[in-house]
Protein backbone atom coordinates (compact mmCIF):
# COMPACT_ATOMS: atom_id res chain seq x y z
CA MET A 1 1.37 35.64 48.20
CA ALA A 2 1.62 38.82 46.18
CA GLU A 3 4.97 37.64 44.81
CA SER A 4 3.47 34.38 43.42
CA ARG A 5 0.95 36.44 41.42
CA LEU A 6 3.62 38.76 40.04
CA ILE A 7 5.97 36.02 38.89
CA PRO A 8 3.50 34.30 36.55
CA ARG A 9 2.28 37.67 35.24
CA SER A 10 5.85 38.82 34.56
CA GLU A 11 6.61 35.48 32.90
CA MET A 12 3.55 35.98 30.68
CA TRP A 13 4.78 39.43 29.67
CA ALA A 14 8.27 38.11 29.00
CA GLN A 15 6.88 35.28 26.89
CA ALA A 16 4.64 37.66 24.92
CA ALA A 17 7.57 40.05 24.40
CA ALA A 18 9.82 37.21 23.23
CA GLU A 19 7.18 36.00 20.77
CA ARG A 20 6.75 39.52 19.41
CA VAL A 21 10.51 39.96 19.02
CA VAL A 22 10.75 36.68 17.12
CA GLU A 23 7.87 37.77 14.85
CA LEU A 24 9.60 41.10 14.12
CA VAL A 25 12.96 39.46 13.42
CA VAL A 26 11.47 36.80 11.14
CA SER A 27 9.37 39.35 9.24
CA ALA A 28 12.49 41.51 8.72
CA LEU A 29 14.52 38.59 7.34
CA ASP A 30 14.78 37.87 3.65
CA VAL A 31 14.41 34.08 3.96
CA ASN A 32 15.54 33.48 0.37
CA ALA A 33 18.71 35.50 0.96
CA LEU A 34 19.26 33.55 4.18
CA LEU A 35 18.93 30.26 2.30
CA ASP A 36 21.52 31.49 -0.20
CA LEU A 37 23.97 32.14 2.65
CA VAL A 38 23.65 28.84 4.52
CA ASP A 39 24.73 25.32 3.66
CA LEU A 40 21.32 23.84 2.81
CA ASP A 41 22.43 20.25 3.52
CA ALA A 42 23.48 21.23 7.03
CA VAL A 43 20.18 23.03 7.62
CA LEU A 44 18.14 20.11 6.31
CA ASP A 45 19.92 17.79 8.74
CA GLN A 46 18.46 19.90 11.55
CA VAL A 47 14.95 20.19 10.07
CA ASP A 48 12.24 17.61 10.80
CA ILE A 49 11.39 16.83 7.17
CA ASP A 50 8.19 14.95 8.07
CA ARG A 51 6.92 17.95 10.02
CA LEU A 52 7.82 20.24 7.11
CA LEU A 53 6.07 18.00 4.56
CA ASP A 54 2.94 17.90 6.75
CA ARG A 55 2.69 21.68 6.31
CA ILE A 56 3.04 21.63 2.52
CA ASP A 57 -0.15 21.88 0.45
CA LEU A 58 0.44 19.04 -2.03
CA ASP A 59 -2.58 19.95 -4.16
CA ARG A 60 -1.14 23.44 -4.69
CA LEU A 61 2.31 22.00 -5.41
CA LEU A 62 0.98 19.45 -7.90
CA GLY A 63 -1.16 22.16 -9.50
CA ARG A 64 2.02 24.07 -10.33
CA MET A 65 3.66 21.04 -11.92
CA ASP A 66 3.20 19.97 -15.53
CA LEU A 67 2.72 16.24 -15.04
CA ASN A 68 2.58 15.63 -18.80
CA ASP A 69 6.08 17.09 -19.09
CA ILE A 70 7.29 14.80 -16.29
CA VAL A 71 5.77 11.75 -17.98
CA LYS A 72 7.43 12.73 -21.27
CA ARG A 73 10.81 12.66 -19.51
CA LEU A 74 10.36 9.06 -18.35
CA ASP A 75 12.51 6.51 -20.17
CA VAL A 76 9.87 3.81 -20.58
CA ALA A 77 12.26 1.52 -22.43
CA ALA A 78 14.69 1.59 -19.49
CA LEU A 79 11.84 0.92 -17.05
CA VAL A 80 10.66 -2.06 -19.08
CA GLU A 81 14.24 -3.30 -19.36
CA GLN A 82 14.64 -3.21 -15.56
CA THR A 83 11.31 -4.92 -14.97
CA ASP A 84 11.12 -8.70 -15.12
CA LEU A 85 7.98 -8.79 -17.25
CA GLY A 86 8.24 -12.56 -17.60
CA ALA A 87 7.85 -12.97 -13.84
CA VAL A 88 4.95 -10.49 -13.75
CA ILE A 89 3.16 -12.28 -16.60
CA ALA A 90 3.87 -15.70 -15.10
CA ALA A 91 2.57 -14.63 -11.69
CA SER A 92 -0.62 -13.14 -13.09
CA SER A 93 -1.27 -15.97 -15.54
CA SER A 94 -0.44 -18.72 -13.05
CA GLY A 95 -3.12 -17.38 -10.71
CA ALA A 96 -5.69 -17.40 -13.50
CA ALA A 97 -4.52 -20.78 -14.78
CA GLY A 98 -4.72 -22.19 -11.26
CA ASP A 99 -8.31 -20.99 -10.93
CA VAL A 100 -9.25 -22.53 -14.28
CA LEU A 101 -7.54 -25.78 -13.32
CA ASP A 102 -9.48 -25.89 -10.03
CA VAL A 103 -12.78 -25.46 -11.91
CA VAL A 104 -11.83 -28.18 -14.42
CA ARG A 105 -10.85 -30.55 -11.59
CA SER A 106 -14.11 -30.02 -9.72
CA GLN A 107 -16.12 -30.48 -12.92
CA THR A 108 -14.17 -33.65 -13.71
CA VAL A 109 -14.90 -35.05 -10.25
CA GLY A 110 -18.59 -34.27 -10.71
CA LEU A 111 -18.62 -35.89 -14.15
CA ASP A 112 -16.81 -38.94 -12.77
CA GLU A 113 -19.42 -39.32 -10.05
CA PHE A 114 -22.24 -38.93 -12.60
CA ILE A 115 -20.75 -41.63 -14.84
CA ALA A 116 -20.15 -43.96 -11.88
CA ARG A 117 -23.82 -43.66 -10.80
CA TRP A 118 -25.05 -44.45 -14.34
CA ILE A 119 -22.70 -47.42 -14.65
CA GLY A 120 -24.06 -48.68 -11.33
CA ARG A 121 -27.61 -48.39 -12.65
CA LEU A 122 -26.73 -50.18 -15.88
CA ARG A 123 -25.08 -53.00 -13.93
CA ARG A 124 -28.02 -52.94 -11.51
CA ARG A 125 -25.77 -52.47 -8.54
CA PRO A 126 -26.11 -49.69 -5.99
CA TYR A 127 -23.50 -46.98 -6.23
CA ALA A 128 -21.33 -47.11 -3.10
CA GLY A 129 -19.83 -43.66 -3.58
CA PRO A 130 -16.27 -42.72 -4.39
CA PRO A 131 -13.58 -45.03 -3.11
CA GLY A 132 -11.92 -43.88 0.08
CA PRO A 133 -8.43 -44.38 1.35
CA PRO A 134 -7.57 -48.05 1.94
CA ASP A 135 -7.49 -47.70 5.75
CA ARG A 136 -11.01 -46.28 5.98
CA PRO A 137 -14.27 -48.11 5.48
CA ARG A 138 -16.24 -47.23 2.38
CA PRO A 139 -19.38 -45.12 2.85
CA ALA A 140 -22.69 -46.95 2.86
CA ALA A 141 -24.62 -47.02 -0.40
CA ALA A 142 -27.15 -44.28 -0.84
CA SER A 143 -30.70 -45.31 -1.56
């Protein structure tokens, strides 16, 4: 039983010693000089980029960038040339035109019903409602 207590304790010491050795080695390294020595593409293939990006402070990074300078470098003419503006305008205007057309149609149906009721009154006949499909009976007249 004494051995089972010593093994975990010795493993703890070994783990703590290994962690300390790694800390000392990493603190002694000039990471920039190391990056100059290695093939960065090969290293990046071994690095989990998503994990690395999760550790980057984007606010700090963006604070160091001159976004106005980046925007000045954009070739807006080339972007516009590659964009099918006709399709964008057609898609946005067809949605609006469709909505307007729906409103006009509903107003026209309402106006048609209004006129049909007044014609029925002038002819002194009850309005039977809008005509239905030929296979269905017409609705009863409203009183």
